[in-house]
Amino acid sequence: MNRSRFIVGLILIVVAALLYIFTDFNTGAIIAIGALGLISIAISRKK
């Protein structure tokens, strides 16, 4: 498992959640940030 990609993915998901909760940021952009986080986690777990 690539640890740095996993950590970056988690950070992106947390940032997306915080943006959704605390700002009126564009929903599409928040979904894109969260998707990048999920992709990063998926890549980190691939062998």
N, C-alpha and C. Protein backbone atom coordinates (compact mmCIF):
# COMPACT_ATOMS: atom_id res chain seq x y z
N MET A 1 0.84 -1.18 0.00
CA MET A 1 0.00 0.00 0.00
C MET A 1 0.89 1.24 0.00
N ASN A 2 0.58 2.16 -0.89
CA ASN A 2 1.33 3.41 -0.97
C ASN A 2 0.75 4.38 0.06
N ARG A 3 1.47 4.55 1.14
CA ARG A 3 0.96 5.29 2.29
C ARG A 3 0.70 6.77 1.98
N SER A 4 1.56 7.41 1.18
CA SER A 4 1.40 8.83 0.91
C SER A 4 0.14 9.10 0.09
N ARG A 5 -0.15 8.24 -0.90
CA ARG A 5 -1.38 8.43 -1.68
C ARG A 5 -2.62 8.22 -0.81
N PHE A 6 -2.55 7.29 0.12
CA PHE A 6 -3.66 7.04 1.02
C PHE A 6 -3.94 8.26 1.90
N ILE A 7 -2.89 8.85 2.43
CA ILE A 7 -3.03 10.03 3.29
C ILE A 7 -3.58 11.21 2.49
N VAL A 8 -3.07 11.41 1.28
CA VAL A 8 -3.57 12.49 0.43
C VAL A 8 -5.05 12.28 0.12
N GLY A 9 -5.45 11.05 -0.14
CA GLY A 9 -6.85 10.75 -0.40
C GLY A 9 -7.73 11.08 0.79
N LEU A 10 -7.29 10.71 1.97
CA LEU A 10 -8.07 11.03 3.17
C LEU A 10 -8.18 12.52 3.37
N ILE A 11 -7.09 13.25 3.15
CA ILE A 11 -7.11 14.70 3.31
C ILE A 11 -8.08 15.34 2.32
N LEU A 12 -8.08 14.86 1.07
CA LEU A 12 -8.99 15.41 0.07
C LEU A 12 -10.45 15.17 0.45
N ILE A 13 -10.75 14.00 0.99
CA ILE A 13 -12.12 13.70 1.40
C ILE A 13 -12.53 14.58 2.58
N VAL A 14 -11.64 14.77 3.53
CA VAL A 14 -11.95 15.63 4.68
C VAL A 14 -12.14 17.08 4.22
N VAL A 15 -11.30 17.55 3.32
CA VAL A 15 -11.44 18.92 2.81
C VAL A 15 -12.77 19.08 2.08
N ALA A 16 -13.15 18.09 1.29
CA ALA A 16 -14.42 18.16 0.58
C ALA A 16 -15.59 18.21 1.57
N ALA A 17 -15.53 17.41 2.61
CA ALA A 17 -16.60 17.41 3.61
C ALA A 17 -16.67 18.76 4.33
N LEU A 18 -15.53 19.32 4.69
CA LEU A 18 -15.52 20.60 5.38
C LEU A 18 -16.02 21.73 4.47
N LEU A 19 -15.64 21.70 3.21
CA LEU A 19 -16.14 22.70 2.26
C LEU A 19 -17.65 22.61 2.13
N TYR A 20 -18.18 21.40 2.11
CA TYR A 20 -19.62 21.21 1.98
C TYR A 20 -20.36 21.74 3.20
N ILE A 21 -19.79 21.51 4.38
CA ILE A 21 -20.46 21.90 5.62
C ILE A 21 -20.36 23.41 5.87
N PHE A 22 -19.18 23.99 5.66
CA PHE A 22 -18.95 25.35 6.12
C PHE A 22 -19.00 26.43 5.04
N THR A 23 -19.08 26.07 3.76
CA THR A 23 -19.11 27.10 2.72
C THR A 23 -20.27 26.88 1.77
N ASP A 24 -20.50 27.84 0.92
CA ASP A 24 -21.50 27.72 -0.15
C ASP A 24 -20.79 27.45 -1.47
N PHE A 25 -19.75 26.66 -1.41
CA PHE A 25 -18.95 26.34 -2.59
C PHE A 25 -19.79 25.51 -3.57
N ASN A 26 -19.43 25.56 -4.83
CA ASN A 26 -20.15 24.83 -5.87
C ASN A 26 -20.16 23.33 -5.56
N THR A 27 -21.34 22.72 -5.57
CA THR A 27 -21.47 21.31 -5.20
C THR A 27 -20.70 20.40 -6.16
N GLY A 28 -20.68 20.74 -7.44
CA GLY A 28 -19.94 19.93 -8.41
C GLY A 28 -18.46 19.90 -8.10
N ALA A 29 -17.92 21.03 -7.67
CA ALA A 29 -16.50 21.08 -7.33
C ALA A 29 -16.20 20.25 -6.09
N ILE A 30 -17.10 20.29 -5.13
CA ILE A 30 -16.91 19.50 -3.91
C ILE A 30 -16.96 18.01 -4.23
N ILE A 31 -17.88 17.62 -5.10
CA ILE A 31 -17.96 16.21 -5.51
C ILE A 31 -16.68 15.80 -6.24
N ALA A 32 -16.15 16.69 -7.08
CA ALA A 32 -14.92 16.40 -7.80
C ALA A 32 -13.74 16.21 -6.85
N ILE A 33 -13.64 17.05 -5.83
CA ILE A 33 -12.56 16.92 -4.85
C ILE A 33 -12.70 15.60 -4.10
N GLY A 34 -13.92 15.26 -3.69
CA GLY A 34 -14.15 13.98 -3.01
C GLY A 34 -13.84 12.79 -3.90
N ALA A 35 -14.18 12.89 -5.18
CA ALA A 35 -13.90 11.80 -6.11
C ALA A 35 -12.39 11.62 -6.29
N LEU A 36 -11.67 12.73 -6.36
CA LEU A 36 -10.20 12.63 -6.45
C LEU A 36 -9.63 11.93 -5.21
N GLY A 37 -10.20 12.22 -4.06
CA GLY A 37 -9.76 11.56 -2.83
C GLY A 37 -10.03 10.06 -2.87
N LEU A 38 -11.21 9.68 -3.35
CA LEU A 38 -11.54 8.25 -3.45
C LEU A 38 -10.64 7.54 -4.47
N ILE A 39 -10.37 8.20 -5.58
CA ILE A 39 -9.48 7.62 -6.59
C ILE A 39 -8.08 7.45 -6.03
N SER A 40 -7.61 8.44 -5.30
CA SER A 40 -6.28 8.36 -4.70
C SER A 40 -6.19 7.20 -3.72
N ILE A 41 -7.24 7.00 -2.92
CA ILE A 41 -7.25 5.87 -1.97
C ILE A 41 -7.28 4.55 -2.72
N ALA A 42 -8.08 4.49 -3.79
CA ALA A 42 -8.16 3.25 -4.56
C ALA A 42 -6.81 2.91 -5.21
N ILE A 43 -6.11 3.92 -5.72
CA ILE A 43 -4.81 3.68 -6.33
C ILE A 43 -3.80 3.23 -5.27
N SER A 44 -3.90 3.82 -4.07
CA SER A 44 -2.93 3.47 -3.02
C SER A 44 -3.10 2.02 -2.57
N ARG A 45 -4.30 1.47 -2.68
CA ARG A 45 -4.56 0.12 -2.22
C ARG A 45 -4.30 -0.93 -3.30
N LYS A 46 -4.14 -0.48 -4.55
CA LYS A 46 -3.88 -1.40 -5.65
C LYS A 46 -2.44 -1.92 -5.54
N LYS A 47 -2.25 -3.19 -5.84
CA LYS A 47 -0.91 -3.75 -5.72
C LYS A 47 -0.20 -3.78 -7.04
